[in-house]
């Protein structure tokens, strides 16, 4: 992807490379891949590359072998069993391929569920939703929810494309300023979206004026769609017009509380208003796509850092507002607040409708109190319900244990670390960063 993140297919990209390799050789290769992606400091600031692998649909012998051993390597963890950070593994679920008993890759779906119950990954994308099914399983997601598929200028595929840039709108601030006047809120939202579209276009023109020689790997090696037809002194616009420009949003729950006194988990009327707001944003984004003839999209922003920054700014400006600024962070995108008592099935029923509007990316999570490694049927039941609610991309969350002596991360069922065998005096817990 343009901008330092990468995602793509694993099924077809890797299967051809294992011809003639036995099971152990493929496992060793997959183990090396996982290790390298957790230790290769190639991003700015010496960070490991943000990588995502989409798999699950290749039914060939080689493809199944690759998928099976990648899941096995990820499930085993790193050197001392630590939880891998990368790659983000996205298991693509599709009827007739892996969803039901008798499907050729149903065993891989079961394996993916078992690994997720231990490692938080894979997450799961659903190819049969109302907005994904027209692409015949070709939709790939980036680990923190980015989705790139429709294209005004070329083939509607994910490979060779990416999100050029996105800007997030602070919805709660607009709601606070509207003072419960919904018409005023919509007017400010329209004004803000117009400003964001102009900002995205300004950045697009800056990017478009770069030359192929400025991006010798991405463009010079022909990795970006259309870049193989360009010469080193050509502008890159003919290639990057295949990318996406994305408007994001954060804090729908706090927005609804500020506007009508309750968030969408508390009130069906709030849920109705929430859908109307996000549908309105999608309509405006589609208008920008027509106006500028570029791939504008709407994303449910992965705003783990921004969620805290925005609320601190708003609390200084507007004070403590119950249910809005009286917390440590705004709720991520359209999620029901994580601390609100609600069943997993009701949570997905409420969040599912927003996925179809956010064509630039989305994700929903279900929180388990502990690892469901001994209750995999519960995980499968939740995933099937997510699909029934028209969710495009989902994951599960639960606490992960951490030994402060040796650094082991994983599930610790006893008072002793399974690696260094020291008695644990403290165990720190964390959950997946995209949960809120």
Protein backbone atom coordinates (compact mmCIF):
# COMPACT_ATOMS: atom_id res chain seq x y z
CA UNK A 1 0.00 0.00 0.00
CA UNK A 2 0.99 3.58 -0.63
CA UNK A 3 1.97 4.98 2.77
CA UNK A 4 3.88 2.19 4.48
CA UNK A 5 1.23 -0.46 5.03
CA UNK A 6 0.85 -3.63 3.03
CA UNK A 7 -1.90 -6.12 2.51
CA UNK A 8 -2.76 -8.70 -0.09
CA UNK A 9 -3.64 -12.25 -0.91
CA UNK A 10 -1.74 -15.20 0.46
CA UNK A 11 -3.74 -17.98 -1.18
CA UNK A 12 -2.57 -17.55 -4.75
CA UNK A 13 0.58 -15.52 -4.16
CA UNK A 14 2.48 -18.23 -2.28
CA UNK A 15 1.02 -21.58 -3.37
CA UNK A 16 3.07 -21.85 -6.56
CA UNK A 17 6.32 -21.53 -4.61
CA UNK A 18 5.88 -24.74 -2.61
CA UNK A 19 5.64 -27.16 -5.52
CA UNK A 20 7.56 -30.27 -4.55
CA UNK A 21 8.17 -29.18 -0.94
CA UNK A 22 7.14 -31.55 1.84
CA UNK A 23 5.06 -30.60 4.87
CA UNK A 24 8.03 -29.86 7.11
CA UNK A 25 9.75 -27.70 4.50
CA UNK A 26 6.62 -25.62 4.04
CA UNK A 27 6.24 -25.25 7.80
CA UNK A 28 9.85 -24.07 8.09
CA UNK A 29 9.21 -21.49 5.36
CA UNK A 30 6.05 -20.23 7.06
CA UNK A 31 7.81 -20.07 10.43
CA UNK A 32 10.60 -18.02 8.83
CA UNK A 33 8.01 -15.71 7.27
CA UNK A 34 6.35 -15.04 10.64
CA UNK A 35 9.73 -14.49 12.33
CA UNK A 36 10.94 -12.13 9.60
CA UNK A 37 7.79 -10.01 9.66
CA UNK A 38 8.24 -9.54 13.41
CA UNK A 39 11.91 -8.60 13.23
CA UNK A 40 12.47 -6.78 9.92
CA UNK A 41 12.82 -3.09 10.86
CA UNK A 42 12.27 -1.55 7.46
CA UNK A 43 9.78 1.24 8.20
CA UNK A 44 10.63 4.80 9.16
CA UNK A 45 11.72 4.94 12.78
CA UNK A 46 13.07 1.38 12.62
CA UNK A 47 9.59 -0.11 12.90
CA UNK A 48 8.62 -3.53 11.59
CA UNK A 49 6.45 -3.34 8.45
CA UNK A 50 2.70 -3.36 9.00
CA UNK A 51 1.77 -6.46 7.04
CA UNK A 52 -1.47 -8.34 6.49
CA UNK A 53 -2.10 -11.67 4.82
CA UNK A 54 -5.52 -12.68 3.48
CA UNK A 55 -6.00 -16.43 3.15
CA UNK A 56 -8.49 -19.28 3.34
CA UNK A 57 -9.97 -19.64 -0.15
CA UNK A 58 -7.29 -21.57 -2.08
CA UNK A 59 -8.49 -25.17 -2.33
CA UNK A 60 -5.50 -26.50 -4.29
CA UNK A 61 -3.16 -28.97 -2.61
CA UNK A 62 -0.32 -26.46 -2.47
CA UNK A 63 -2.57 -23.64 -1.34
CA UNK A 64 -4.00 -25.70 1.49
CA UNK A 65 -0.50 -26.75 2.52
CA UNK A 66 0.65 -23.13 2.71
CA UNK A 67 -2.43 -22.01 4.67
CA UNK A 68 -2.27 -24.94 7.06
CA UNK A 69 1.37 -24.37 7.90
CA UNK A 70 1.12 -20.59 8.15
CA UNK A 71 -1.65 -21.03 10.73
CA UNK A 72 0.43 -23.64 12.53
CA UNK A 73 3.50 -21.38 12.66
CA UNK A 74 1.42 -18.43 13.88
CA UNK A 75 -0.24 -20.60 16.51
CA UNK A 76 3.14 -21.77 17.81
CA UNK A 77 4.22 -18.17 18.38
CA UNK A 78 7.74 -16.79 18.32
CA UNK A 79 10.96 -18.10 19.86
CA UNK A 80 9.69 -18.50 23.42
CA UNK A 81 6.06 -18.74 22.45
CA UNK A 82 5.48 -14.98 22.40
CA UNK A 83 2.40 -13.69 20.62
CA UNK A 84 3.34 -12.50 17.11
CA UNK A 85 2.44 -8.90 16.31
CA UNK A 86 2.63 -9.35 12.55
CA UNK A 87 1.46 -10.40 10.11
CA UNK A 88 -2.17 -9.59 10.66
CA UNK A 89 -3.76 -12.77 9.37
CA UNK A 90 -7.22 -12.39 7.86
CA UNK A 91 -9.06 -15.65 7.21
CA UNK A 92 -11.57 -15.15 4.41
CA UNK A 93 -14.82 -17.07 4.94
CA UNK A 94 -16.97 -18.09 1.96
CA UNK A 95 -19.90 -20.45 1.52
CA UNK A 96 -19.02 -23.48 -0.53
CA UNK A 97 -15.32 -23.08 0.22
CA UNK A 98 -14.78 -23.21 3.99
CA UNK A 99 -17.90 -22.18 5.95
CA UNK A 100 -19.73 -25.49 6.36
CA UNK A 101 -18.86 -29.14 7.01
CA UNK A 102 -18.16 -30.77 3.67
CA UNK A 103 -16.62 -27.61 2.18
CA UNK A 104 -13.07 -28.33 0.94
CA UNK A 105 -11.43 -25.86 3.36
CA UNK A 106 -13.74 -26.31 6.34
CA UNK A 107 -10.87 -27.92 8.25
CA UNK A 108 -8.77 -24.78 7.70
CA UNK A 109 -11.63 -22.63 9.04
CA UNK A 110 -11.64 -24.81 12.16
CA UNK A 111 -7.86 -24.50 12.44
CA UNK A 112 -8.10 -20.70 12.09
CA UNK A 113 -10.68 -20.56 14.89
CA UNK A 114 -8.36 -22.56 17.14
CA UNK A 115 -5.41 -20.24 16.45
CA UNK A 116 -7.55 -17.13 16.99
CA UNK A 117 -8.73 -18.48 20.34
CA UNK A 118 -5.08 -18.64 21.41
CA UNK A 119 -3.43 -15.72 19.59
CA UNK A 120 -6.26 -13.19 18.85
CA UNK A 121 -5.38 -13.67 15.17
CA UNK A 122 -6.60 -14.56 12.61
CA UNK A 123 -9.39 -12.09 12.26
CA UNK A 124 -12.16 -13.05 9.85
CA UNK A 125 -13.58 -11.43 6.71
CA UNK A 126 -16.83 -12.56 5.13
CA UNK A 127 -17.07 -12.79 1.37
CA UNK A 128 -20.85 -13.40 1.33
CA UNK A 129 -22.01 -10.09 2.77
CA UNK A 130 -24.26 -7.84 0.70
CA UNK A 131 -21.31 -5.57 -0.17
CA UNK A 132 -18.56 -8.20 -0.69
CA UNK A 133 -20.36 -10.97 -2.54
CA UNK A 134 -20.25 -9.30 -5.96
CA UNK A 135 -16.44 -9.55 -6.01
CA UNK A 136 -16.26 -13.39 -6.00
CA UNK A 137 -14.02 -13.67 -2.95
CA UNK A 138 -11.47 -11.16 -4.21
CA UNK A 139 -11.87 -8.70 -1.32
CA UNK A 140 -8.85 -8.33 0.96
CA UNK A 141 -8.62 -6.29 4.15
CA UNK A 142 -5.65 -4.65 5.83
CA UNK A 143 -5.32 -5.69 9.47
CA UNK A 144 -6.69 -2.51 11.02
CA UNK A 145 -9.72 -2.63 8.70
CA UNK A 146 -8.73 -0.85 5.45
CA UNK A 147 -10.73 -2.18 2.47
CA UNK A 148 -9.85 -1.35 -1.15
CA UNK A 149 -11.83 -2.98 -3.95
CA UNK A 150 -14.11 -0.86 -6.21
CA UNK A 151 -12.29 1.17 -8.86
CA UNK A 152 -13.43 3.91 -11.24
CA UNK A 153 -10.29 3.64 -13.38
CA UNK A 154 -9.42 0.00 -13.74
CA UNK A 155 -9.87 -3.55 -12.56
CA UNK A 156 -11.79 -3.98 -9.29
CA UNK A 157 -9.21 -5.95 -7.36
CA UNK A 158 -7.13 -5.35 -4.24
CA UNK A 159 -3.73 -6.38 -5.57
CA UNK A 160 -1.50 -3.49 -6.61
CA UNK A 161 -3.63 -0.82 -4.95
CA UNK A 162 -3.97 0.92 -1.59
CA UNK A 163 -5.30 3.83 0.39
CA UNK A 164 -3.49 7.05 -0.54
CA UNK A 165 -4.53 8.96 2.58
CA UNK A 166 -7.44 9.41 4.95
CA UNK A 167 -8.61 12.10 7.34
CA UNK A 168 -10.78 11.47 10.38
CA UNK A 169 -13.67 13.68 11.48
CA UNK A 170 -14.28 14.22 15.20
CA UNK A 171 -18.02 13.54 15.24
CA UNK A 172 -18.52 14.12 19.01
CA UNK A 173 -17.13 17.66 18.75
CA UNK A 174 -19.66 18.51 16.05
CA UNK A 175 -22.44 17.07 18.20
CA UNK A 176 -21.31 19.07 21.24
CA UNK A 177 -21.25 22.28 19.21
CA UNK A 178 -24.70 21.53 17.77
CA UNK A 179 -26.23 21.69 21.27
CA UNK A 180 -28.78 18.95 20.48
CA UNK A 181 -29.88 20.65 17.28
CA UNK A 182 -29.70 17.82 14.76
CA UNK A 183 -30.20 20.07 11.73
CA UNK A 184 -27.28 22.20 12.90
CA UNK A 185 -25.21 19.04 13.40
CA UNK A 186 -25.82 17.94 9.80
CA UNK A 187 -24.91 21.38 8.48
CA UNK A 188 -21.62 21.36 10.37
CA UNK A 189 -20.98 17.79 9.27
CA UNK A 190 -21.48 18.74 5.61
CA UNK A 191 -19.15 21.71 5.98
CA UNK A 192 -16.51 19.56 7.63
CA UNK A 193 -16.78 16.85 5.00
CA UNK A 194 -16.35 19.43 2.24
CA UNK A 195 -13.22 20.67 3.99
CA UNK A 196 -11.85 17.15 4.35
CA UNK A 197 -12.51 16.41 0.67
CA UNK A 198 -10.60 19.54 -0.31
CA UNK A 199 -7.73 18.56 1.99
CA UNK A 200 -7.59 15.05 0.53
CA UNK A 201 -7.55 16.47 -2.99
CA UNK A 202 -4.73 18.85 -2.07
CA UNK A 203 -2.65 15.96 -0.80
CA UNK A 204 -3.57 13.86 -3.83
CA UNK A 205 -2.19 16.52 -6.16
CA UNK A 206 1.04 16.65 -4.16
CA UNK A 207 1.36 12.88 -4.43
CA UNK A 208 0.37 12.85 -8.10
CA UNK A 209 3.26 15.18 -8.98
CA UNK A 210 5.84 12.72 -7.70
CA UNK A 211 7.84 10.90 -10.36
CA UNK A 212 8.42 7.19 -10.72
CA UNK A 213 12.08 7.77 -9.76
CA UNK A 214 10.89 9.16 -6.40
CA UNK A 215 9.39 5.77 -5.52
CA UNK A 216 11.86 3.32 -7.07
CA UNK A 217 10.47 0.22 -5.34
CA UNK A 218 6.71 0.78 -5.39
CA UNK A 219 6.51 2.43 -8.80
CA UNK A 220 9.87 1.59 -10.35
CA UNK A 221 9.35 -2.14 -9.82
CA UNK A 222 5.80 -1.97 -11.17
CA UNK A 223 4.12 -3.01 -7.92
CA UNK A 224 1.34 -0.42 -8.04
CA UNK A 225 -1.44 -0.97 -10.57
CA UNK A 226 -0.60 0.84 -13.81
CA UNK A 227 2.94 1.77 -12.76
CA UNK A 228 4.46 -0.84 -15.08
CA UNK A 229 3.48 1.36 -18.03
CA UNK A 230 5.33 4.42 -16.68
CA UNK A 231 8.90 5.58 -17.28
CA UNK A 232 11.17 6.80 -14.52
CA UNK A 233 10.54 10.50 -15.22
CA UNK A 234 6.76 10.16 -15.56
CA UNK A 235 4.35 11.50 -12.96
CA UNK A 236 2.74 8.74 -10.91
CA UNK A 237 -0.85 10.00 -11.20
CA UNK A 238 -1.85 7.44 -13.87
CA UNK A 239 -1.06 4.76 -11.28
CA UNK A 240 -2.28 6.27 -8.03
CA UNK A 241 -5.67 7.25 -9.45
CA UNK A 242 -6.42 3.55 -8.83
CA UNK A 243 -5.94 4.14 -5.09
CA UNK A 244 -8.48 5.45 -2.58
CA UNK A 245 -9.02 8.74 -0.75
CA UNK A 246 -10.87 8.15 2.46
CA UNK A 247 -12.98 10.10 4.93
CA UNK A 248 -13.01 8.63 8.42
CA UNK A 249 -15.00 9.16 11.59
CA UNK A 250 -14.73 8.41 15.29
CA UNK A 251 -17.03 8.36 18.32
CA UNK A 252 -20.50 7.66 16.95
CA UNK A 253 -21.59 6.50 20.43
CA UNK A 254 -20.57 9.79 22.09
CA UNK A 255 -22.07 11.72 19.17
CA UNK A 256 -25.46 10.12 19.75
CA UNK A 257 -25.21 10.72 23.50
CA UNK A 258 -24.48 14.39 22.90
CA UNK A 259 -27.34 14.73 20.41
CA UNK A 260 -30.14 12.72 22.05
CA UNK A 261 -28.87 11.59 25.45
CA UNK A 262 -28.30 7.89 24.67
CA UNK A 263 -25.94 5.89 22.47
CA UNK A 264 -27.07 3.20 20.04
CA UNK A 265 -26.59 0.41 22.56
CA UNK A 266 -29.08 2.06 24.87
CA UNK A 267 -31.82 3.09 22.47
CA UNK A 268 -33.26 1.83 19.18
CA UNK A 269 -34.06 5.45 18.29
CA UNK A 270 -30.38 6.30 18.73
CA UNK A 271 -29.48 3.33 16.55
CA UNK A 272 -31.79 4.66 13.85
CA UNK A 273 -30.20 8.10 14.06
CA UNK A 274 -26.72 6.55 14.03
CA UNK A 275 -27.47 4.70 10.80
CA UNK A 276 -28.89 7.88 9.28
CA UNK A 277 -25.71 9.81 10.13
CA UNK A 278 -23.33 7.22 8.67
CA UNK A 279 -25.55 6.69 5.61
CA UNK A 280 -25.48 10.46 5.06
CA UNK A 281 -21.69 10.46 5.26
CA UNK A 282 -21.50 7.62 2.73
CA UNK A 283 -23.83 9.51 0.39
CA UNK A 284 -21.61 12.60 0.56
CA UNK A 285 -18.47 10.52 -0.04
CA UNK A 286 -20.06 8.96 -3.12
CA UNK A 287 -20.80 12.49 -4.36
CA UNK A 288 -17.12 13.40 -3.98
CA UNK A 289 -16.20 10.31 -6.01
CA UNK A 290 -18.44 11.55 -8.83
CA UNK A 291 -17.27 15.15 -8.52
CA UNK A 292 -13.56 14.41 -8.60
CA UNK A 293 -13.71 11.10 -10.54
CA UNK A 294 -11.55 9.41 -7.91
CA UNK A 295 -12.09 6.49 -5.52
CA UNK A 296 -13.40 8.30 -2.45
CA UNK A 297 -14.58 6.01 0.35
CA UNK A 298 -15.78 6.10 3.96
CA UNK A 299 -13.80 4.32 6.68
CA UNK A 300 -14.70 3.46 10.26
CA UNK A 301 -11.38 4.86 11.46
CA UNK A 302 -8.93 2.63 13.39
CA UNK A 303 -8.25 5.44 15.86
CA UNK A 304 -6.53 3.89 18.86
CA UNK A 305 -4.32 6.96 19.44
CA UNK A 306 -6.67 9.58 18.06
CA UNK A 307 -9.53 8.45 20.31
CA UNK A 308 -7.61 9.66 23.36
CA UNK A 309 -6.23 12.80 21.74
CA UNK A 310 -9.59 14.08 20.51
CA UNK A 311 -11.32 13.63 23.84
CA UNK A 312 -8.56 15.41 25.76
CA UNK A 313 -8.85 18.39 23.43
CA UNK A 314 -12.64 18.47 23.72
CA UNK A 315 -12.58 18.13 27.51
CA UNK A 316 -10.32 21.16 27.77
CA UNK A 317 -12.60 23.11 25.43
CA UNK A 318 -16.06 22.03 26.63
CA UNK A 319 -15.50 20.54 30.07
CA UNK A 320 -16.77 17.24 31.40
CA UNK A 321 -19.98 16.15 29.64
CA UNK A 322 -21.54 12.96 31.06
CA UNK A 323 -21.38 10.10 28.59
CA UNK A 324 -19.31 12.16 26.17
CA UNK A 325 -16.06 13.61 27.57
CA UNK A 326 -16.06 11.94 31.01
CA UNK A 327 -13.85 9.03 29.94
CA UNK A 328 -10.33 8.31 28.71
CA UNK A 329 -11.17 7.94 25.02
CA UNK A 330 -13.92 8.23 22.44
CA UNK A 331 -15.37 4.92 21.31
CA UNK A 332 -13.77 3.62 18.14
CA UNK A 333 -15.80 4.31 14.97
CA UNK A 334 -19.37 2.95 15.21
CA UNK A 335 -18.71 0.51 18.06
CA UNK A 336 -20.99 0.16 21.04
CA UNK A 337 -18.92 1.37 24.03
CA UNK A 338 -16.79 -1.50 25.28
CA UNK A 339 -17.82 -1.04 28.91
CA UNK A 340 -21.54 -1.10 28.15
CA UNK A 341 -23.19 -4.36 29.31
CA UNK A 342 -24.50 -6.03 26.17
CA UNK A 343 -24.47 -9.55 24.77
CA UNK A 344 -22.15 -10.40 21.92
CA UNK A 345 -25.12 -11.18 19.71
CA UNK A 346 -26.85 -7.87 20.39
CA UNK A 347 -23.58 -6.00 19.86
CA UNK A 348 -23.18 -7.50 16.40
CA UNK A 349 -26.85 -6.86 15.60
CA UNK A 350 -26.28 -3.17 16.29
CA UNK A 351 -22.86 -2.80 14.66
CA UNK A 352 -23.49 -4.97 11.61
CA UNK A 353 -25.60 -2.45 9.66
CA UNK A 354 -22.73 0.08 9.63
CA UNK A 355 -20.37 -2.20 7.72
CA UNK A 356 -22.20 -1.75 4.42
CA UNK A 357 -21.83 2.04 4.58
CA UNK A 358 -18.11 2.04 5.37
CA UNK A 359 -16.75 0.83 2.05
CA UNK A 360 -13.26 2.08 2.94
CA UNK A 361 -12.98 -0.32 5.87
CA UNK A 362 -14.60 -1.49 9.09
CA UNK A 363 -14.24 -4.03 11.87
CA UNK A 364 -16.29 -5.29 14.81
CA UNK A 365 -15.04 -7.16 17.86
CA UNK A 366 -16.55 -9.45 20.45
CA UNK A 367 -14.93 -9.48 23.88
CA UNK A 368 -14.45 -12.75 25.77
CA UNK A 369 -13.64 -12.62 29.49
CA UNK A 370 -10.88 -15.19 28.97
CA UNK A 371 -9.38 -17.18 26.14
CA UNK A 372 -12.05 -19.35 24.47
CA UNK A 373 -9.43 -21.96 23.58
CA UNK A 374 -11.51 -24.63 25.36
CA UNK A 375 -14.79 -23.52 23.78
CA UNK A 376 -14.14 -23.18 20.07
CA UNK A 377 -17.79 -23.83 19.25
CA UNK A 378 -18.67 -20.55 20.97
CA UNK A 379 -16.23 -18.74 18.68
CA UNK A 380 -17.72 -20.38 15.60
CA UNK A 381 -21.25 -19.51 16.75
CA UNK A 382 -20.24 -15.87 17.18
CA UNK A 383 -18.59 -15.76 13.74
CA UNK A 384 -21.68 -17.21 12.08
CA UNK A 385 -23.82 -14.61 13.82
CA UNK A 386 -21.47 -11.88 12.60
CA UNK A 387 -22.01 -13.07 9.04
CA UNK A 388 -25.78 -13.18 9.59
CA UNK A 389 -25.58 -9.53 10.75
CA UNK A 390 -23.86 -8.57 7.45
CA UNK A 391 -20.52 -7.82 9.10
CA UNK A 392 -17.66 -7.67 6.61
CA UNK A 393 -14.67 -7.96 8.91
CA UNK A 394 -14.57 -9.13 12.54
CA UNK A 395 -12.38 -10.42 15.32
CA UNK A 396 -12.43 -11.70 18.87
CA UNK A 397 -10.69 -10.25 21.91
CA UNK A 398 -9.69 -11.59 25.30
CA UNK A 399 -6.95 -10.95 27.89
CA UNK A 400 -3.41 -12.05 27.02
CA UNK A 401 -1.01 -12.91 29.86
CA UNK A 402 2.52 -11.54 30.08
CA UNK A 403 5.43 -12.82 32.17
CA UNK A 404 7.54 -9.89 33.37
CA UNK A 405 10.56 -12.11 33.99
CA UNK A 406 11.14 -13.59 30.54
CA UNK A 407 8.73 -11.65 28.37
CA UNK A 408 6.51 -14.58 27.39
CA UNK A 409 3.11 -13.51 26.07
CA UNK A 410 0.28 -15.95 25.68
CA UNK A 411 -2.20 -17.87 27.79
CA UNK A 412 -0.91 -18.84 31.24
CA UNK A 413 -3.20 -21.32 33.00
CA UNK A 414 -1.05 -21.87 36.12
CA UNK A 415 0.92 -19.82 38.65
CA UNK A 416 4.14 -20.60 36.77
CA UNK A 417 5.43 -19.28 33.45
CA UNK A 418 5.48 -22.12 30.88
CA UNK A 419 8.83 -20.83 29.50
CA UNK A 420 11.03 -19.73 32.40
CA UNK A 421 9.05 -21.74 35.00
CA UNK A 422 9.31 -18.95 37.55
CA UNK A 423 6.42 -18.41 39.91
CA UNK A 424 4.44 -15.43 38.70
CA UNK A 425 4.09 -12.61 41.17
CA UNK A 426 2.48 -10.31 38.59
CA UNK A 427 0.74 -10.93 35.31
CA UNK A 428 -0.02 -8.00 33.09
CA UNK A 429 -2.96 -8.24 30.75
CA UNK A 430 -3.58 -6.60 27.42
CA UNK A 431 -6.09 -6.93 24.63
CA UNK A 432 -5.96 -6.36 20.90
CA UNK A 433 -5.25 -2.71 20.16
CA UNK A 434 -8.25 -2.29 17.88
CA UNK A 435 -10.83 -3.33 20.47
CA UNK A 436 -12.18 0.05 21.50
